All heavy atoms as atom14 arrays in JSON, in Angstrom:
{
  "sequence": "EIPGLHAVNAVDAAGVHPLLFAIGSERYTPYIKER",
  "atom14_mask": [
    [1, 1, 1, 1, 1, 1, 1, 1, 1, 0, 0, 0, 0, 0],
    [1, 1, 1, 1, 1, 1, 1, 1, 0, 0, 0, 0, 0, 0],
    [1, 1, 1, 1, 1, 1, 1, 0, 0, 0, 0, 0, 0, 0],
    [1, 1, 1, 1, 0, 0, 0, 0, 0, 0, 0, 0, 0, 0],
    [1, 1, 1, 1, 1, 1, 1, 1, 0, 0, 0, 0, 0, 0],
    [1, 1, 1, 1, 1, 1, 1, 1, 1, 1, 0, 0, 0, 0],
    [1, 1, 1, 1, 1, 0, 0, 0, 0, 0, 0, 0, 0, 0],
    [1, 1, 1, 1, 1, 1, 1, 0, 0, 0, 0, 0, 0, 0],
    [1, 1, 1, 1, 1, 1, 1, 1, 0, 0, 0, 0, 0, 0],
    [1, 1, 1, 1, 1, 0, 0, 0, 0, 0, 0, 0, 0, 0],
    [1, 1, 1, 1, 1, 1, 1, 0, 0, 0, 0, 0, 0, 0],
    [1, 1, 1, 1, 1, 1, 1, 1, 0, 0, 0, 0, 0, 0],
    [1, 1, 1, 1, 1, 0, 0, 0, 0, 0, 0, 0, 0, 0],
    [1, 1, 1, 1, 1, 0, 0, 0, 0, 0, 0, 0, 0, 0],
    [1, 1, 1, 1, 0, 0, 0, 0, 0, 0, 0, 0, 0, 0],
    [1, 1, 1, 1, 1, 1, 1, 0, 0, 0, 0, 0, 0, 0],
    [1, 1, 1, 1, 1, 1, 1, 1, 1, 1, 0, 0, 0, 0],
    [1, 1, 1, 1, 1, 1, 1, 0, 0, 0, 0, 0, 0, 0],
    [1, 1, 1, 1, 1, 1, 1, 1, 0, 0, 0, 0, 0, 0],
    [1, 1, 1, 1, 1, 1, 1, 1, 0, 0, 0, 0, 0, 0],
    [1, 1, 1, 1, 1, 1, 1, 1, 1, 1, 1, 0, 0, 0],
    [1, 1, 1, 1, 1, 0, 0, 0, 0, 0, 0, 0, 0, 0],
    [1, 1, 1, 1, 1, 1, 1, 1, 0, 0, 0, 0, 0, 0],
    [1, 1, 1, 1, 0, 0, 0, 0, 0, 0, 0, 0, 0, 0],
    [1, 1, 1, 1, 1, 1, 0, 0, 0, 0, 0, 0, 0, 0],
    [1, 1, 1, 1, 1, 1, 1, 1, 1, 0, 0, 0, 0, 0],
    [1, 1, 1, 1, 1, 1, 1, 1, 1, 1, 1, 0, 0, 0],
    [1, 1, 1, 1, 1, 1, 1, 1, 1, 1, 1, 1, 0, 0],
    [1, 1, 1, 1, 1, 1, 1, 0, 0, 0, 0, 0, 0, 0],
    [1, 1, 1, 1, 1, 1, 1, 0, 0, 0, 0, 0, 0, 0],
    [1, 1, 1, 1, 1, 1, 1, 1, 1, 1, 1, 1, 0, 0],
    [1, 1, 1, 1, 1, 1, 1, 1, 0, 0, 0, 0, 0, 0],
    [1, 1, 1, 1, 1, 1, 1, 1, 1, 0, 0, 0, 0, 0],
    [1, 1, 1, 1, 1, 1, 1, 1, 1, 0, 0, 0, 0, 0],
    [1, 1, 1, 1, 1, 1, 1, 1, 1, 1, 1, 0, 0, 0]
  ],
  "atom14_positions": [
    [[50.33, 52.85, 103.59], [50.37, 51.39, 103.59], [51.67, 50.84, 103.02], [52.01, 49.68, 103.27], [49.19, 50.83, 102.78], [47.82, 51.14, 103.37], [46.71, 50.55, 102.52], [46.93, 49.49, 101.91], [45.63, 51.15, 102.47], [0.0, 0.0, 0.0], [0.0, 0.0, 0.0], [0.0, 0.0, 0.0], [0.0, 0.0, 0.0], [0.0, 0.0, 0.0]],
    [[52.39, 51.63, 102.26], [53.62, 51.17, 101.61], [54.78, 52.03, 102.13], [54.86, 53.22, 101.81], [53.53, 51.25, 100.08], [52.38, 50.37, 99.57], [54.84, 50.85, 99.43], [52.17, 50.43, 98.07], [0.0, 0.0, 0.0], [0.0, 0.0, 0.0], [0.0, 0.0, 0.0], [0.0, 0.0, 0.0], [0.0, 0.0, 0.0], [0.0, 0.0, 0.0]],
    [[55.68, 51.48, 102.9], [56.8, 52.25, 103.45], [57.62, 52.92, 102.35], [57.96, 52.28, 101.35], [57.63, 51.19, 104.18], [56.66, 50.1, 104.5], [55.7, 50.07, 103.35], [0.0, 0.0, 0.0], [0.0, 0.0, 0.0], [0.0, 0.0, 0.0], [0.0, 0.0, 0.0], [0.0, 0.0, 0.0], [0.0, 0.0, 0.0], [0.0, 0.0, 0.0]],
    [[57.89, 54.19, 102.53], [58.71, 54.93, 101.57], [57.95, 55.55, 100.43], [58.5, 56.37, 99.69], [0.0, 0.0, 0.0], [0.0, 0.0, 0.0], [0.0, 0.0, 0.0], [0.0, 0.0, 0.0], [0.0, 0.0, 0.0], [0.0, 0.0, 0.0], [0.0, 0.0, 0.0], [0.0, 0.0, 0.0], [0.0, 0.0, 0.0], [0.0, 0.0, 0.0]],
    [[56.68, 55.19, 100.27], [55.88, 55.75, 99.17], [55.25, 57.06, 99.63], [54.65, 57.14, 100.7], [54.78, 54.77, 98.77], [53.82, 55.24, 97.66], [54.57, 55.45, 96.34], [52.69, 54.24, 97.47], [0.0, 0.0, 0.0], [0.0, 0.0, 0.0], [0.0, 0.0, 0.0], [0.0, 0.0, 0.0], [0.0, 0.0, 0.0], [0.0, 0.0, 0.0]],
    [[55.4, 58.1, 98.81], [54.85, 59.41, 99.16], [53.61, 59.76, 98.36], [52.74, 60.48, 98.85], [55.91, 60.5, 98.94], [57.09, 60.36, 99.84], [57.1, 60.79, 101.15], [58.31, 59.78, 99.63], [58.26, 60.51, 101.71], [59.02, 59.9, 100.8], [0.0, 0.0, 0.0], [0.0, 0.0, 0.0], [0.0, 0.0, 0.0], [0.0, 0.0, 0.0]],
    [[53.51, 59.28, 97.11], [52.36, 59.61, 96.28], [52.27, 58.61, 95.13], [53.29, 58.1, 94.66], [52.48, 61.03, 95.73], [0.0, 0.0, 0.0], [0.0, 0.0, 0.0], [0.0, 0.0, 0.0], [0.0, 0.0, 0.0], [0.0, 0.0, 0.0], [0.0, 0.0, 0.0], [0.0, 0.0, 0.0], [0.0, 0.0, 0.0], [0.0, 0.0, 0.0]],
    [[51.05, 58.36, 94.7], [50.83, 57.51, 93.52], [49.6, 58.03, 92.79], [48.67, 58.51, 93.41], [50.65, 56.02, 93.92], [49.39, 55.81, 94.76], [50.61, 55.12, 92.68], [0.0, 0.0, 0.0], [0.0, 0.0, 0.0], [0.0, 0.0, 0.0], [0.0, 0.0, 0.0], [0.0, 0.0, 0.0], [0.0, 0.0, 0.0], [0.0, 0.0, 0.0]],
    [[49.64, 57.97, 91.47], [48.53, 58.43, 90.65], [48.31, 57.45, 89.51], [49.22, 57.2, 88.71], [48.82, 59.83, 90.07], [47.73, 60.31, 89.13], [46.56, 59.97, 89.31], [48.1, 61.09, 88.13], [0.0, 0.0, 0.0], [0.0, 0.0, 0.0], [0.0, 0.0, 0.0], [0.0, 0.0, 0.0], [0.0, 0.0, 0.0], [0.0, 0.0, 0.0]],
    [[47.11, 56.86, 89.47], [46.71, 56.08, 88.3], [46.19, 57.09, 87.28], [45.14, 57.71, 87.49], [45.63, 55.08, 88.68], [0.0, 0.0, 0.0], [0.0, 0.0, 0.0], [0.0, 0.0, 0.0], [0.0, 0.0, 0.0], [0.0, 0.0, 0.0], [0.0, 0.0, 0.0], [0.0, 0.0, 0.0], [0.0, 0.0, 0.0], [0.0, 0.0, 0.0]],
    [[46.93, 57.28, 86.21], [46.71, 58.42, 85.32], [45.41, 58.25, 84.53], [45.3, 57.37, 83.68], [47.91, 58.6, 84.37], [47.68, 59.81, 83.45], [49.19, 58.8, 85.18], [0.0, 0.0, 0.0], [0.0, 0.0, 0.0], [0.0, 0.0, 0.0], [0.0, 0.0, 0.0], [0.0, 0.0, 0.0], [0.0, 0.0, 0.0], [0.0, 0.0, 0.0]],
    [[44.45, 59.09, 84.83], [43.13, 58.98, 84.23], [43.18, 59.15, 82.71], [42.49, 58.43, 81.97], [42.2, 60.03, 84.83], [40.79, 59.93, 84.28], [40.08, 58.96, 84.63], [40.4, 60.82, 83.49], [0.0, 0.0, 0.0], [0.0, 0.0, 0.0], [0.0, 0.0, 0.0], [0.0, 0.0, 0.0], [0.0, 0.0, 0.0], [0.0, 0.0, 0.0]],
    [[43.98, 60.08, 82.23], [44.04, 60.34, 80.79], [44.51, 59.13, 79.99], [44.24, 59.03, 78.8], [44.95, 61.54, 80.52], [0.0, 0.0, 0.0], [0.0, 0.0, 0.0], [0.0, 0.0, 0.0], [0.0, 0.0, 0.0], [0.0, 0.0, 0.0], [0.0, 0.0, 0.0], [0.0, 0.0, 0.0], [0.0, 0.0, 0.0], [0.0, 0.0, 0.0]],
    [[45.21, 58.21, 80.66], [45.67, 56.99, 80.0], [44.76, 55.8, 80.29], [45.14, 54.65, 80.06], [47.1, 56.67, 80.44], [0.0, 0.0, 0.0], [0.0, 0.0, 0.0], [0.0, 0.0, 0.0], [0.0, 0.0, 0.0], [0.0, 0.0, 0.0], [0.0, 0.0, 0.0], [0.0, 0.0, 0.0], [0.0, 0.0, 0.0], [0.0, 0.0, 0.0]],
    [[43.57, 56.07, 80.83], [42.64, 54.99, 81.11], [42.77, 54.37, 82.48], [42.24, 53.3, 82.74], [0.0, 0.0, 0.0], [0.0, 0.0, 0.0], [0.0, 0.0, 0.0], [0.0, 0.0, 0.0], [0.0, 0.0, 0.0], [0.0, 0.0, 0.0], [0.0, 0.0, 0.0], [0.0, 0.0, 0.0], [0.0, 0.0, 0.0], [0.0, 0.0, 0.0]],
    [[43.51, 55.0, 83.37], [43.72, 54.62, 84.78], [44.7, 53.46, 84.91], [45.84, 53.64, 85.33], [42.39, 54.31, 85.51], [42.66, 53.94, 86.97], [41.45, 55.51, 85.44], [0.0, 0.0, 0.0], [0.0, 0.0, 0.0], [0.0, 0.0, 0.0], [0.0, 0.0, 0.0], [0.0, 0.0, 0.0], [0.0, 0.0, 0.0], [0.0, 0.0, 0.0]],
    [[44.27, 52.24, 84.6], [45.12, 51.08, 84.89], [46.39, 50.97, 84.03], [47.4, 50.44, 84.51], [44.31, 49.79, 84.76], [43.42, 49.54, 85.93], [42.1, 49.18, 85.82], [43.65, 49.63, 87.26], [41.57, 49.05, 87.02], [42.49, 49.33, 87.9], [0.0, 0.0, 0.0], [0.0, 0.0, 0.0], [0.0, 0.0, 0.0], [0.0, 0.0, 0.0]],
    [[46.4, 51.43, 82.78], [47.64, 51.25, 82.01], [48.86, 51.99, 82.56], [49.98, 51.56, 82.34], [47.26, 51.8, 80.62], [45.78, 51.57, 80.53], [45.28, 51.84, 81.92], [0.0, 0.0, 0.0], [0.0, 0.0, 0.0], [0.0, 0.0, 0.0], [0.0, 0.0, 0.0], [0.0, 0.0, 0.0], [0.0, 0.0, 0.0], [0.0, 0.0, 0.0]],
    [[48.66, 53.1, 83.28], [49.79, 53.97, 83.61], [49.72, 54.47, 85.05], [48.72, 55.08, 85.46], [49.82, 55.16, 82.65], [50.91, 56.22, 82.86], [52.29, 55.62, 82.67], [50.69, 57.39, 81.89], [0.0, 0.0, 0.0], [0.0, 0.0, 0.0], [0.0, 0.0, 0.0], [0.0, 0.0, 0.0], [0.0, 0.0, 0.0], [0.0, 0.0, 0.0]],
    [[50.79, 54.23, 85.81], [50.91, 54.75, 87.18], [52.12, 55.67, 87.28], [53.18, 55.38, 86.71], [51.11, 53.61, 88.18], [50.01, 52.56, 88.35], [50.45, 51.53, 89.39], [48.7, 53.21, 88.77], [0.0, 0.0, 0.0], [0.0, 0.0, 0.0], [0.0, 0.0, 0.0], [0.0, 0.0, 0.0], [0.0, 0.0, 0.0], [0.0, 0.0, 0.0]],
    [[51.97, 56.75, 88.02], [53.09, 57.61, 88.42], [53.23, 57.48, 89.94], [52.23, 57.47, 90.66], [52.82, 59.08, 88.08], [52.88, 59.42, 86.62], [52.4, 60.65, 86.16], [53.42, 58.54, 85.69], [52.45, 60.98, 84.83], [53.47, 58.86, 84.34], [52.99, 60.08, 83.91], [0.0, 0.0, 0.0], [0.0, 0.0, 0.0], [0.0, 0.0, 0.0]],
    [[54.46, 57.42, 90.42], [54.67, 57.3, 91.86], [55.92, 58.07, 92.27], [56.85, 58.28, 91.47], [54.8, 55.84, 92.27], [0.0, 0.0, 0.0], [0.0, 0.0, 0.0], [0.0, 0.0, 0.0], [0.0, 0.0, 0.0], [0.0, 0.0, 0.0], [0.0, 0.0, 0.0], [0.0, 0.0, 0.0], [0.0, 0.0, 0.0], [0.0, 0.0, 0.0]],
    [[55.94, 58.47, 93.53], [57.11, 59.13, 94.13], [57.45, 58.38, 95.41], [56.58, 58.13, 96.24], [56.83, 60.61, 94.46], [56.52, 61.4, 93.18], [58.02, 61.23, 95.18], [56.06, 62.82, 93.44], [0.0, 0.0, 0.0], [0.0, 0.0, 0.0], [0.0, 0.0, 0.0], [0.0, 0.0, 0.0], [0.0, 0.0, 0.0], [0.0, 0.0, 0.0]],
    [[58.71, 57.99, 95.54], [59.15, 57.28, 96.73], [60.46, 57.84, 97.25], [61.11, 58.67, 96.6], [0.0, 0.0, 0.0], [0.0, 0.0, 0.0], [0.0, 0.0, 0.0], [0.0, 0.0, 0.0], [0.0, 0.0, 0.0], [0.0, 0.0, 0.0], [0.0, 0.0, 0.0], [0.0, 0.0, 0.0], [0.0, 0.0, 0.0], [0.0, 0.0, 0.0]],
    [[60.84, 57.39, 98.42], [62.12, 57.8, 99.01], [63.25, 56.94, 98.47], [63.07, 55.75, 98.19], [62.06, 57.65, 100.53], [61.19, 58.59, 101.1], [0.0, 0.0, 0.0], [0.0, 0.0, 0.0], [0.0, 0.0, 0.0], [0.0, 0.0, 0.0], [0.0, 0.0, 0.0], [0.0, 0.0, 0.0], [0.0, 0.0, 0.0], [0.0, 0.0, 0.0]],
    [[64.42, 57.53, 98.31], [65.62, 56.8, 97.88], [66.7, 57.04, 98.94], [67.44, 58.01, 98.89], [66.08, 57.28, 96.5], [67.23, 56.48, 95.93], [66.93, 54.98, 95.93], [66.09, 54.52, 95.12], [67.54, 54.27, 96.76], [0.0, 0.0, 0.0], [0.0, 0.0, 0.0], [0.0, 0.0, 0.0], [0.0, 0.0, 0.0], [0.0, 0.0, 0.0]],
    [[66.75, 56.09, 99.92], [67.6, 56.32, 101.11], [68.58, 55.18, 101.37], [69.21, 55.15, 102.43], [66.7, 56.49, 102.34], [65.67, 57.58, 102.22], [64.57, 57.44, 103.25], [63.8, 56.21, 103.05], [62.66, 55.92, 103.7], [62.17, 56.78, 104.58], [62.04, 54.78, 103.47], [0.0, 0.0, 0.0], [0.0, 0.0, 0.0], [0.0, 0.0, 0.0]],
    [[68.71, 54.24, 100.44], [69.48, 53.04, 100.73], [70.96, 53.32, 100.98], [71.58, 52.73, 101.85], [69.32, 52.02, 99.6], [68.12, 51.12, 99.75], [67.15, 51.35, 100.72], [67.94, 50.03, 98.91], [66.05, 50.54, 100.85], [66.84, 49.19, 99.03], [65.89, 49.46, 100.0], [64.8, 48.63, 100.13], [0.0, 0.0, 0.0], [0.0, 0.0, 0.0]],
    [[71.54, 54.2, 100.17], [72.99, 54.44, 100.31], [73.27, 55.94, 100.36], [73.87, 56.5, 99.44], [73.76, 53.79, 99.14], [73.18, 54.25, 97.89], [73.69, 52.28, 99.2], [0.0, 0.0, 0.0], [0.0, 0.0, 0.0], [0.0, 0.0, 0.0], [0.0, 0.0, 0.0], [0.0, 0.0, 0.0], [0.0, 0.0, 0.0], [0.0, 0.0, 0.0]],
    [[72.84, 56.63, 101.41], [73.05, 58.08, 101.5], [74.52, 58.46, 101.61], [74.88, 59.63, 101.38], [72.27, 58.46, 102.77], [72.26, 57.22, 103.59], [72.16, 56.09, 102.61], [0.0, 0.0, 0.0], [0.0, 0.0, 0.0], [0.0, 0.0, 0.0], [0.0, 0.0, 0.0], [0.0, 0.0, 0.0], [0.0, 0.0, 0.0], [0.0, 0.0, 0.0]],
    [[75.38, 57.5, 101.97], [76.8, 57.78, 102.13], [77.57, 57.72, 100.8], [78.75, 58.05, 100.76], [77.41, 56.76, 103.11], [76.98, 55.33, 102.82], [77.65, 54.55, 101.88], [75.89, 54.77, 103.48], [77.24, 53.27, 101.6], [75.48, 53.48, 103.21], [76.16, 52.72, 102.26], [75.74, 51.45, 102.0], [0.0, 0.0, 0.0], [0.0, 0.0, 0.0]],
    [[76.9, 57.32, 99.72], [77.54, 57.29, 98.41], [77.05, 58.48, 97.59], [75.84, 58.73, 97.5], [77.23, 55.97, 97.68], [77.81, 54.79, 98.47], [77.78, 55.99, 96.25], [77.5, 53.44, 97.86], [0.0, 0.0, 0.0], [0.0, 0.0, 0.0], [0.0, 0.0, 0.0], [0.0, 0.0, 0.0], [0.0, 0.0, 0.0], [0.0, 0.0, 0.0]],
    [[77.97, 59.2, 97.01], [77.61, 60.42, 96.27], [76.73, 60.11, 95.08], [75.73, 60.79, 94.83], [78.89, 61.15, 95.83], [78.6, 62.47, 95.12], [79.9, 63.19, 94.75], [79.6, 64.52, 94.07], [80.84, 65.23, 93.69], [0.0, 0.0, 0.0], [0.0, 0.0, 0.0], [0.0, 0.0, 0.0], [0.0, 0.0, 0.0], [0.0, 0.0, 0.0]],
    [[77.1, 59.09, 94.32], [76.31, 58.73, 93.14], [75.01, 58.05, 93.59], [75.03, 57.06, 94.31], [77.08, 57.78, 92.23], [76.31, 57.4, 90.98], [76.99, 56.31, 90.18], [78.11, 55.91, 90.56], [76.4, 55.86, 89.19], [0.0, 0.0, 0.0], [0.0, 0.0, 0.0], [0.0, 0.0, 0.0], [0.0, 0.0, 0.0], [0.0, 0.0, 0.0]],
    [[73.9, 58.62, 93.16], [72.61, 58.04, 93.53], [71.99, 57.33, 92.35], [72.1, 57.79, 91.21], [71.67, 59.14, 94.04], [72.19, 59.79, 95.32], [71.33, 60.94, 95.81], [69.96, 60.5, 96.06], [68.91, 60.84, 95.31], [69.1, 61.6, 94.26], [67.71, 60.42, 95.62], [0.0, 0.0, 0.0], [0.0, 0.0, 0.0], [0.0, 0.0, 0.0]]
  ]
}
């Protein structure tokens, strides 16, 4: 549902809503060495 998002986890050990972990793509400037 969210373009570029690969995974998200509402961290249960932190009570779910307080803490999210996510992984997304970083493709905006592939032609620049520094990311």
